[in-house]
Amino acid sequence: MEEVKTLTVYIDGPLDASHLNEVEEKLKALDVQLGNIVVLDCTDMTYICSSGLRQFLGMHKDVTQKGAKLIIKGLQPLVKKVFDISGFSQIFNME
């Protein structure tokens, strides 16, 4: 039986238009495979724009299509509220 591999991406500061490319590069660099767990650690993320939400949604689709699991960790209260209002809290596994 293969060991479960956890891949963690740390997202800090605001996730706005000026930071989308940086996060996109981090996400593309992941070698997601069947059975992996991908953790987006958002403990230090202070803001998320609508494009950032779409980026997270695309990542969720990509990860689940590869048979892996995506977890969002550490959302700050104001950012969590954006996820709640948009309905994204129902889509993502959150810790």
PDB file of N, CA and C in Angstrom:
ATOM      1  N   MET A   1       0.840  -1.187   0.000  1.00  0.00           N
ATOM      2  CA  MET A   1       0.000   0.000   0.000  1.00  0.00           C
ATOM      3  C   MET A   1       0.884   1.249   0.000  1.00  0.00           C
ATOM      4  N   GLU A   2       0.555   2.200  -0.880  1.00  0.00           N
ATOM      5  CA  GLU A   2       1.341   3.428  -0.977  1.00  0.00           C
ATOM      6  C   GLU A   2       1.028   4.380   0.162  1.00  0.00           C
ATOM      7  N   GLU A   3       2.046   5.105   0.561  1.00  0.00           N
ATOM      8  CA  GLU A   3       1.888   6.110   1.605  1.00  0.00           C
ATOM      9  C   GLU A   3       1.152   7.320   1.034  1.00  0.00           C
ATOM     10  N   VAL A   4       0.245   7.881   1.828  1.00  0.00           N
ATOM     11  CA  VAL A   4      -0.481   9.082   1.414  1.00  0.00           C
ATOM     12  C   VAL A   4       0.488  10.257   1.470  1.00  0.00           C
ATOM     13  N   LYS A   5       0.553  10.998   0.384  1.00  0.00           N
ATOM     14  CA  LYS A   5       1.453  12.140   0.292  1.00  0.00           C
ATOM     15  C   LYS A   5       0.629  13.418   0.460  1.00  0.00           C
ATOM     16  N   THR A   6       1.074  14.284   1.366  1.00  0.00           N
ATOM     17  CA  THR A   6       0.410  15.572   1.581  1.00  0.00           C
ATOM     18  C   THR A   6       1.250  16.669   0.957  1.00  0.00           C
ATOM     19  N   LEU A   7       0.620  17.449   0.094  1.00  0.00           N
ATOM     20  CA  LEU A   7       1.266  18.582  -0.566  1.00  0.00           C
ATOM     21  C   LEU A   7       0.652  19.851  -0.007  1.00  0.00           C
ATOM     22  N   THR A   8       1.461  20.754   0.515  1.00  0.00           N
ATOM     23  CA  THR A   8       0.950  21.969   1.136  1.00  0.00           C
ATOM     24  C   THR A   8       1.409  23.196   0.371  1.00  0.00           C
ATOM     25  N   VAL A   9       0.456  24.092   0.103  1.00  0.00           N
ATOM     26  CA  VAL A   9       0.739  25.378  -0.519  1.00  0.00           C
ATOM     27  C   VAL A   9       0.348  26.454   0.486  1.00  0.00           C
ATOM     28  N   TYR A  10       1.277  27.342   0.799  1.00  0.00           N
ATOM     29  CA  TYR A  10       1.019  28.438   1.730  1.00  0.00           C
ATOM     30  C   TYR A  10       0.652  29.684   0.929  1.00  0.00           C
ATOM     31  N   ILE A  11      -0.483  30.271   1.277  1.00  0.00           N
ATOM     32  CA  ILE A  11      -0.940  31.485   0.610  1.00  0.00           C
ATOM     33  C   ILE A  11      -0.991  32.579   1.662  1.00  0.00           C
ATOM     34  N   ASP A  12      -0.227  33.652   1.422  1.00  0.00           N
ATOM     35  CA  ASP A  12      -0.179  34.717   2.419  1.00  0.00           C
ATOM     36  C   ASP A  12      -0.492  36.072   1.783  1.00  0.00           C
ATOM     37  N   GLY A  13      -0.915  36.991   2.628  1.00  0.00           N
ATOM     38  CA  GLY A  13      -1.272  38.322   2.153  1.00  0.00           C
ATOM     39  C   GLY A  13      -2.586  38.294   1.403  1.00  0.00           C
ATOM     40  N   PRO A  14      -2.851  39.326   0.630  1.00  0.00           N
ATOM     41  CA  PRO A  14      -4.105  39.363  -0.124  1.00  0.00           C
ATOM     42  C   PRO A  14      -4.008  38.520  -1.398  1.00  0.00           C
ATOM     43  N   LEU A  15      -5.057  37.780  -1.683  1.00  0.00           N
ATOM     44  CA  LEU A  15      -5.133  37.065  -2.959  1.00  0.00           C
ATOM     45  C   LEU A  15      -6.001  37.922  -3.879  1.00  0.00           C
ATOM     46  N   ASP A  16      -5.339  38.897  -4.498  1.00  0.00           N
ATOM     47  CA  ASP A  16      -6.006  39.818  -5.411  1.00  0.00           C
ATOM     48  C   ASP A  16      -5.361  39.693  -6.782  1.00  0.00           C
ATOM     49  N   ALA A  17      -5.788  40.528  -7.710  1.00  0.00           N
ATOM     50  CA  ALA A  17      -5.316  40.433  -9.097  1.00  0.00           C
ATOM     51  C   ALA A  17      -3.794  40.462  -9.207  1.00  0.00           C
ATOM     52  N   SER A  18      -3.137  41.217  -8.336  1.00  0.00           N
ATOM     53  CA  SER A  18      -1.683  41.336  -8.433  1.00  0.00           C
ATOM     54  C   SER A  18      -0.941  40.101  -7.923  1.00  0.00           C
ATOM     55  N   HIS A  19      -1.636  39.195  -7.230  1.00  0.00           N
ATOM     56  CA  HIS A  19      -0.991  38.002  -6.680  1.00  0.00           C
ATOM     57  C   HIS A  19      -1.488  36.699  -7.305  1.00  0.00           C
ATOM     58  N   LEU A  20      -2.442  36.783  -8.218  1.00  0.00           N
ATOM     59  CA  LEU A  20      -3.014  35.565  -8.803  1.00  0.00           C
ATOM     60  C   LEU A  20      -1.973  34.727  -9.543  1.00  0.00           C
ATOM     61  N   ASN A  21      -1.090  35.373 -10.303  1.00  0.00           N
ATOM     62  CA  ASN A  21      -0.082  34.627 -11.065  1.00  0.00           C
ATOM     63  C   ASN A  21       0.870  33.872 -10.150  1.00  0.00           C
ATOM     64  N   GLU A  22       1.240  34.490  -9.053  1.00  0.00           N
ATOM     65  CA  GLU A  22       2.145  33.847  -8.092  1.00  0.00           C
ATOM     66  C   GLU A  22       1.514  32.572  -7.527  1.00  0.00           C
ATOM     67  N   VAL A  23       0.252  32.675  -7.140  1.00  0.00           N
ATOM     68  CA  VAL A  23      -0.448  31.510  -6.589  1.00  0.00           C
ATOM     69  C   VAL A  23      -0.634  30.455  -7.672  1.00  0.00           C
ATOM     70  N   GLU A  24      -0.969  30.892  -8.877  1.00  0.00           N
ATOM     71  CA  GLU A  24      -1.140  29.965 -10.004  1.00  0.00           C
ATOM     72  C   GLU A  24       0.133  29.158 -10.237  1.00  0.00           C
ATOM     73  N   GLU A  25       1.283  29.799 -10.165  1.00  0.00           N
ATOM     74  CA  GLU A  25       2.560  29.099 -10.352  1.00  0.00           C
ATOM     75  C   GLU A  25       2.793  28.069  -9.246  1.00  0.00           C
ATOM     76  N   LYS A  26       2.468  28.430  -8.012  1.00  0.00           N
ATOM     77  CA  LYS A  26       2.609  27.487  -6.901  1.00  0.00           C
ATOM     78  C   LYS A  26       1.724  26.260  -7.123  1.00  0.00           C
ATOM     79  N   LEU A  27       0.506  26.501  -7.577  1.00  0.00           N
ATOM     80  CA  LEU A  27      -0.439  25.402  -7.774  1.00  0.00           C
ATOM     81  C   LEU A  27      -0.025  24.513  -8.941  1.00  0.00           C
ATOM     82  N   LYS A  28       0.459  25.120 -10.020  1.00  0.00           N
ATOM     83  CA  LYS A  28       0.890  24.344 -11.189  1.00  0.00           C
ATOM     84  C   LYS A  28       2.121  23.501 -10.881  1.00  0.00           C
ATOM     85  N   ALA A  29       2.933  23.946  -9.940  1.00  0.00           N
ATOM     86  CA  ALA A  29       4.161  23.222  -9.607  1.00  0.00           C
ATOM     87  C   ALA A  29       3.894  21.923  -8.844  1.00  0.00           C
ATOM     88  N   LEU A  30       2.690  21.764  -8.340  1.00  0.00           N
ATOM     89  CA  LEU A  30       2.363  20.553  -7.584  1.00  0.00           C
ATOM     90  C   LEU A  30       2.251  19.350  -8.518  1.00  0.00           C
ATOM     91  N   ASP A  31       2.774  18.234  -8.072  1.00  0.00           N
ATOM     92  CA  ASP A  31       2.648  16.984  -8.815  1.00  0.00           C
ATOM     93  C   ASP A  31       1.554  16.168  -8.127  1.00  0.00           C
ATOM     94  N   VAL A  32       0.298  16.531  -8.398  1.00  0.00           N
ATOM     95  CA  VAL A  32      -0.837  15.886  -7.738  1.00  0.00           C
ATOM     96  C   VAL A  32      -1.108  14.546  -8.401  1.00  0.00           C
ATOM     97  N   GLN A  33      -1.204  13.526  -7.549  1.00  0.00           N
ATOM     98  CA  GLN A  33      -1.466  12.178  -8.037  1.00  0.00           C
ATOM     99  C   GLN A  33      -2.565  11.530  -7.204  1.00  0.00           C
ATOM    100  N   LEU A  34      -3.065  10.425  -7.702  1.00  0.00           N
ATOM    101  CA  LEU A  34      -4.113   9.668  -7.031  1.00  0.00           C
ATOM    102  C   LEU A  34      -3.765   9.435  -5.561  1.00  0.00           C
ATOM    103  N   GLY A  35      -4.699   9.764  -4.689  1.00  0.00           N
ATOM    104  CA  GLY A  35      -4.521   9.526  -3.260  1.00  0.00           C
ATOM    105  C   GLY A  35      -3.828  10.634  -2.492  1.00  0.00           C
ATOM    106  N   ASN A  36      -3.278  11.616  -3.191  1.00  0.00           N
ATOM    107  CA  ASN A  36      -2.622  12.733  -2.497  1.00  0.00           C
ATOM    108  C   ASN A  36      -3.644  13.564  -1.727  1.00  0.00           C
ATOM    109  N   ILE A  37      -3.148  14.278  -0.752  1.00  0.00           N
ATOM    110  CA  ILE A  37      -3.931  15.298  -0.056  1.00  0.00           C
ATOM    111  C   ILE A  37      -3.242  16.621  -0.327  1.00  0.00           C
ATOM    112  N   VAL A  38      -3.989  17.569  -0.877  1.00  0.00           N
ATOM    113  CA  VAL A  38      -3.465  18.896  -1.161  1.00  0.00           C
ATOM    114  C   VAL A  38      -4.062  19.851  -0.135  1.00  0.00           C
ATOM    115  N   VAL A  39      -3.192  20.526   0.608  1.00  0.00           N
ATOM    116  CA  VAL A  39      -3.631  21.475   1.631  1.00  0.00           C
ATOM    117  C   VAL A  39      -3.275  22.879   1.170  1.00  0.00           C
ATOM    118  N   LEU A  40      -4.288  23.736   1.097  1.00  0.00           N
ATOM    119  CA  LEU A  40      -4.054  25.158   0.856  1.00  0.00           C
ATOM    120  C   LEU A  40      -4.097  25.831   2.220  1.00  0.00           C
ATOM    121  N   ASP A  41      -2.925  26.163   2.736  1.00  0.00           N
ATOM    122  CA  ASP A  41      -2.829  26.781   4.055  1.00  0.00           C
ATOM    123  C   ASP A  41      -3.008  28.288   3.904  1.00  0.00           C
ATOM    124  N   CYS A  42      -4.164  28.764   4.330  1.00  0.00           N
ATOM    125  CA  CYS A  42      -4.548  30.170   4.154  1.00  0.00           C
ATOM    126  C   CYS A  42      -4.479  30.950   5.461  1.00  0.00           C
ATOM    127  N   THR A  43      -3.734  30.441   6.415  1.00  0.00           N
ATOM    128  CA  THR A  43      -3.634  31.071   7.723  1.00  0.00           C
ATOM    129  C   THR A  43      -3.240  32.541   7.620  1.00  0.00           C
ATOM    130  N   ASP A  44      -2.353  32.870   6.676  1.00  0.00           N
ATOM    131  CA  ASP A  44      -1.873  34.241   6.537  1.00  0.00           C
ATOM    132  C   ASP A  44      -2.481  34.973   5.340  1.00  0.00           C
ATOM    133  N   MET A  45      -3.544  34.413   4.749  1.00  0.00           N
ATOM    134  CA  MET A  45      -4.225  35.085   3.640  1.00  0.00           C
ATOM    135  C   MET A  45      -5.216  36.096   4.229  1.00  0.00           C
ATOM    136  N   THR A  46      -5.087  37.345   3.817  1.00  0.00           N
ATOM    137  CA  THR A  46      -5.883  38.412   4.426  1.00  0.00           C
ATOM    138  C   THR A  46      -7.094  38.830   3.604  1.00  0.00           C
ATOM    139  N   TYR A  47      -7.144  38.399   2.338  1.00  0.00           N
ATOM    140  CA  TYR A  47      -8.213  38.849   1.437  1.00  0.00           C
ATOM    141  C   TYR A  47      -8.270  37.900   0.253  1.00  0.00           C
ATOM    142  N   ILE A  48      -9.465  37.729  -0.325  1.00  0.00           N
ATOM    143  CA  ILE A  48      -9.587  36.965  -1.562  1.00  0.00           C
ATOM    144  C   ILE A  48     -10.587  37.668  -2.472  1.00  0.00           C
ATOM    145  N   CYS A  49     -10.191  37.858  -3.719  1.00  0.00           N
ATOM    146  CA  CYS A  49     -11.065  38.488  -4.714  1.00  0.00           C
ATOM    147  C   CYS A  49     -11.852  37.396  -5.442  1.00  0.00           C
ATOM    148  N   SER A  50     -12.779  37.798  -6.282  1.00  0.00           N
ATOM    149  CA  SER A  50     -13.596  36.818  -7.006  1.00  0.00           C
ATOM    150  C   SER A  50     -12.735  35.954  -7.934  1.00  0.00           C
ATOM    151  N   SER A  51     -11.702  36.519  -8.504  1.00  0.00           N
ATOM    152  CA  SER A  51     -10.799  35.730  -9.353  1.00  0.00           C
ATOM    153  C   SER A  51     -10.050  34.688  -8.522  1.00  0.00           C
ATOM    154  N   GLY A  52      -9.732  35.038  -7.296  1.00  0.00           N
ATOM    155  CA  GLY A  52      -9.098  34.087  -6.389  1.00  0.00           C
ATOM    156  C   GLY A  52     -10.030  32.930  -6.056  1.00  0.00           C
ATOM    157  N   LEU A  53     -11.306  33.248  -5.865  1.00  0.00           N
ATOM    158  CA  LEU A  53     -12.293  32.192  -5.616  1.00  0.00           C
ATOM    159  C   LEU A  53     -12.380  31.253  -6.817  1.00  0.00           C
ATOM    160  N   ARG A  54     -12.384  31.816  -8.019  1.00  0.00           N
ATOM    161  CA  ARG A  54     -12.416  30.992  -9.230  1.00  0.00           C
ATOM    162  C   ARG A  54     -11.159  30.129  -9.325  1.00  0.00           C
ATOM    163  N   GLN A  55     -10.036  30.685  -8.915  1.00  0.00           N
ATOM    164  CA  GLN A  55      -8.780  29.930  -8.936  1.00  0.00           C
ATOM    165  C   GLN A  55      -8.871  28.734  -7.980  1.00  0.00           C
ATOM    166  N   PHE A  56      -9.423  28.958  -6.798  1.00  0.00           N
ATOM    167  CA  PHE A  56      -9.606  27.867  -5.840  1.00  0.00           C
ATOM    168  C   PHE A  56     -10.548  26.814  -6.412  1.00  0.00           C
ATOM    169  N   LEU A  57     -11.618  27.251  -7.059  1.00  0.00           N
ATOM    170  CA  LEU A  57     -12.585  26.325  -7.643  1.00  0.00           C
ATOM    171  C   LEU A  57     -11.928  25.477  -8.737  1.00  0.00           C
ATOM    172  N   GLY A  58     -11.109  26.105  -9.569  1.00  0.00           N
ATOM    173  CA  GLY A  58     -10.375  25.366 -10.596  1.00  0.00           C
ATOM    174  C   GLY A  58      -9.424  24.352  -9.992  1.00  0.00           C
ATOM    175  N   MET A  59      -8.769  24.736  -8.910  1.00  0.00           N
ATOM    176  CA  MET A  59      -7.858  23.826  -8.229  1.00  0.00           C
ATOM    177  C   MET A  59      -8.627  22.630  -7.664  1.00  0.00           C
ATOM    178  N   HIS A  60      -9.800  22.902  -7.090  1.00  0.00           N
ATOM    179  CA  HIS A  60     -10.633  21.837  -6.544  1.00  0.00           C
ATOM    180  C   HIS A  60     -10.993  20.838  -7.644  1.00  0.00           C
ATOM    181  N   LYS A  61     -11.397  21.345  -8.790  1.00  0.00           N
ATOM    182  CA  LYS A  61     -11.770  20.489  -9.917  1.00  0.00           C
ATOM    183  C   LYS A  61     -10.577  19.652 -10.378  1.00  0.00           C
ATOM    184  N   ASP A  62      -9.432  20.291 -10.533  1.00  0.00           N
ATOM    185  CA  ASP A  62      -8.227  19.610 -10.986  1.00  0.00           C
ATOM    186  C   ASP A  62      -7.810  18.501 -10.022  1.00  0.00           C
ATOM    187  N   VAL A  63      -7.784  18.826  -8.742  1.00  0.00           N
ATOM    188  CA  VAL A  63      -7.335  17.873  -7.725  1.00  0.00           C
ATOM    189  C   VAL A  63      -8.283  16.675  -7.647  1.00  0.00           C
ATOM    190  N   THR A  64      -9.586  16.937  -7.617  1.00  0.00           N
ATOM    191  CA  THR A  64     -10.536  15.830  -7.487  1.00  0.00           C
ATOM    192  C   THR A  64     -10.559  14.958  -8.743  1.00  0.00           C
ATOM    193  N   GLN A  65     -10.350  15.555  -9.919  1.00  0.00           N
ATOM    194  CA  GLN A  65     -10.292  14.760 -11.153  1.00  0.00           C
ATOM    195  C   GLN A  65      -9.097  13.814 -11.147  1.00  0.00           C
ATOM    196  N   LYS A  66      -8.061  14.166 -10.420  1.00  0.00           N
ATOM    197  CA  LYS A  66      -6.868  13.309 -10.332  1.00  0.00           C
ATOM    198  C   LYS A  66      -6.983  12.284  -9.203  1.00  0.00           C
ATOM    199  N   GLY A  67      -8.128  12.276  -8.507  1.00  0.00           N
ATOM    200  CA  GLY A  67      -8.338  11.307  -7.440  1.00  0.00           C
ATOM    201  C   GLY A  67      -7.684  11.689  -6.131  1.00  0.00           C
ATOM    202  N   ALA A  68      -7.415  12.966  -5.961  1.00  0.00           N
ATOM    203  CA  ALA A  68      -6.807  13.462  -4.728  1.00  0.00           C
ATOM    204  C   ALA A  68      -7.849  14.262  -3.937  1.00  0.00           C
ATOM    205  N   LYS A  69      -7.461  14.715  -2.779  1.00  0.00           N
ATOM    206  CA  LYS A  69      -8.361  15.459  -1.895  1.00  0.00           C
ATOM    207  C   LYS A  69      -7.770  16.845  -1.640  1.00  0.00           C
ATOM    208  N   LEU A  70      -8.623  17.863  -1.664  1.00  0.00           N
ATOM    209  CA  LEU A  70      -8.198  19.240  -1.401  1.00  0.00           C
ATOM    210  C   LEU A  70      -8.783  19.701  -0.083  1.00  0.00           C
ATOM    211  N   ILE A  71      -7.934  20.278   0.760  1.00  0.00           N
ATOM    212  CA  ILE A  71      -8.359  20.816   2.045  1.00  0.00           C
ATOM    213  C   ILE A  71      -7.898  22.266   2.127  1.00  0.00           C
ATOM    214  N   ILE A  72      -8.797  23.146   2.547  1.00  0.00           N
ATOM    215  CA  ILE A  72      -8.436  24.541   2.804  1.00  0.00           C
ATOM    216  C   ILE A  72      -8.344  24.696   4.313  1.00  0.00           C
ATOM    217  N   LYS A  73      -7.225  25.237   4.746  1.00  0.00           N
ATOM    218  CA  LYS A  73      -6.924  25.303   6.175  1.00  0.00           C
ATOM    219  C   LYS A  73      -6.695  26.751   6.607  1.00  0.00           C
ATOM    220  N   GLY A  74      -7.208  27.108   7.772  1.00  0.00           N
ATOM    221  CA  GLY A  74      -6.831  28.338   8.444  1.00  0.00           C
ATOM    222  C   GLY A  74      -7.401  29.633   7.908  1.00  0.00           C
ATOM    223  N   LEU A  75      -8.592  29.611   7.329  1.00  0.00           N
ATOM    224  CA  LEU A  75      -9.160  30.864   6.820  1.00  0.00           C
ATOM    225  C   LEU A  75      -9.414  31.852   7.945  1.00  0.00           C
ATOM    226  N   GLN A  76      -9.007  33.089   7.739  1.00  0.00           N
ATOM    227  CA  GLN A  76      -9.298  34.162   8.677  1.00  0.00           C
ATOM    228  C   GLN A  76     -10.808  34.438   8.652  1.00  0.00           C
ATOM    229  N   PRO A  77     -11.390  34.958   9.747  1.00  0.00           N
ATOM    230  CA  PRO A  77     -12.840  35.149   9.824  1.00  0.00           C
ATOM    231  C   PRO A  77     -13.453  35.940   8.657  1.00  0.00           C
ATOM    232  N   LEU A  78     -12.823  37.027   8.225  1.00  0.00           N
ATOM    233  CA  LEU A  78     -13.397  37.806   7.131  1.00  0.00           C
ATOM    234  C   LEU A  78     -13.330  37.057   5.803  1.00  0.00           C
ATOM    235  N   VAL A  79     -12.253  36.319   5.584  1.00  0.00           N
ATOM    236  CA  VAL A  79     -12.122  35.529   4.361  1.00  0.00           C
ATOM    237  C   VAL A  79     -13.103  34.360   4.409  1.00  0.00           C
ATOM    238  N   LYS A  80     -13.241  33.753   5.571  1.00  0.00           N
ATOM    239  CA  LYS A  80     -14.202  32.643   5.754  1.00  0.00           C
ATOM    240  C   LYS A  80     -15.610  33.121   5.436  1.00  0.00           C
ATOM    241  N   LYS A  81     -15.924  34.352   5.817  1.00  0.00           N
ATOM    242  CA  LYS A  81     -17.243  34.911   5.547  1.00  0.00           C
ATOM    243  C   LYS A  81     -17.501  34.998   4.037  1.00  0.00           C
ATOM    244  N   VAL A  82     -16.475  35.357   3.263  1.00  0.00           N
ATOM    245  CA  VAL A  82     -16.593  35.403   1.798  1.00  0.00           C
ATOM    246  C   VAL A  82     -16.902  34.001   1.264  1.00  0.00           C
ATOM    247  N   PHE A  83     -16.229  32.990   1.801  1.00  0.00           N
ATOM    248  CA  PHE A  83     -16.491  31.612   1.387  1.00  0.00           C
ATOM    249  C   PHE A  83     -17.919  31.205   1.756  1.00  0.00           C
ATOM    250  N   ASP A  84     -18.371  31.617   2.932  1.00  0.00           N
ATOM    251  CA  ASP A  84     -19.721  31.278   3.369  1.00  0.00           C
ATOM    252  C   ASP A  84     -20.772  31.936   2.482  1.00  0.00           C
ATOM    253  N   ILE A  85     -20.613  33.230   2.230  1.00  0.00           N
ATOM    254  CA  ILE A  85     -21.587  33.985   1.441  1.00  0.00           C
ATOM    255  C   ILE A  85     -21.649  33.462   0.002  1.00  0.00           C
ATOM    256  N   SER A  86     -20.513  33.114  -0.547  1.00  0.00           N
ATOM    257  CA  SER A  86     -20.449  32.650  -1.941  1.00  0.00           C
ATOM    258  C   SER A  86     -20.891  31.193  -2.096  1.00  0.00           C
ATOM    259  N   GLY A  87     -21.063  30.493  -0.989  1.00  0.00           N
ATOM    260  CA  GLY A  87     -21.435  29.082  -1.041  1.00  0.00           C
ATOM    261  C   GLY A  87     -20.248  28.145  -1.176  1.00  0.00           C
ATOM    262  N   PHE A  88     -19.042  28.693  -1.203  1.00  0.00           N
ATOM    263  CA  PHE A  88     -17.846  27.869  -1.364  1.00  0.00           C
ATOM    264  C   PHE A  88     -17.570  27.004  -0.137  1.00  0.00           C
ATOM    265  N   SER A  89     -18.073  27.402   1.009  1.00  0.00           N
ATOM    266  CA  SER A  89     -17.877  26.595   2.218  1.00  0.00           C
ATOM    267  C   SER A  89     -18.556  25.229   2.073  1.00  0.00           C
ATOM    268  N   GLN A  90     -19.573  25.155   1.208  1.00  0.00           N
ATOM    269  CA  GLN A  90     -20.276  23.897   0.963  1.00  0.00           C
ATOM    270  C   GLN A  90     -19.498  22.996  -0.002  1.00  0.00           C
ATOM    271  N   ILE A  91     -18.611  23.573  -0.780  1.00  0.00           N
ATOM    272  CA  ILE A  91     -17.878  22.840  -1.817  1.00  0.00           C
ATOM    273  C   ILE A  91     -16.587  22.249  -1.277  1.00  0.00           C
ATOM    274  N   PHE A  92     -15.881  23.030  -0.466  1.00  0.00           N
ATOM    275  CA  PHE A  92     -14.534  22.668  -0.034  1.00  0.00           C
ATOM    276  C   PHE A  92     -14.524  21.967   1.316  1.00  0.00           C
ATOM    277  N   ASN A  93     -13.535  21.091   1.489  1.00  0.00           N
ATOM    278  CA  ASN A  93     -13.213  20.546   2.814  1.00  0.00           C
ATOM    279  C   ASN A  93     -12.406  21.609   3.524  1.00  0.00           C
ATOM    280  N   MET A  94     -12.876  22.033   4.687  1.00  0.00           N
ATOM    281  CA  MET A  94     -12.200  23.115   5.401  1.00  0.00           C
ATOM    282  C   MET A  94     -11.841  22.689   6.820  1.00  0.00           C
ATOM    283  N   GLU A  95     -10.693  23.173   7.242  1.00  0.00           N
ATOM    284  CA  GLU A  95     -10.234  22.918   8.624  1.00  0.00           C
ATOM    285  C   GLU A  95      -9.957  24.238   9.286  1.00  0.00           C
TER     286      GLU A  95
END
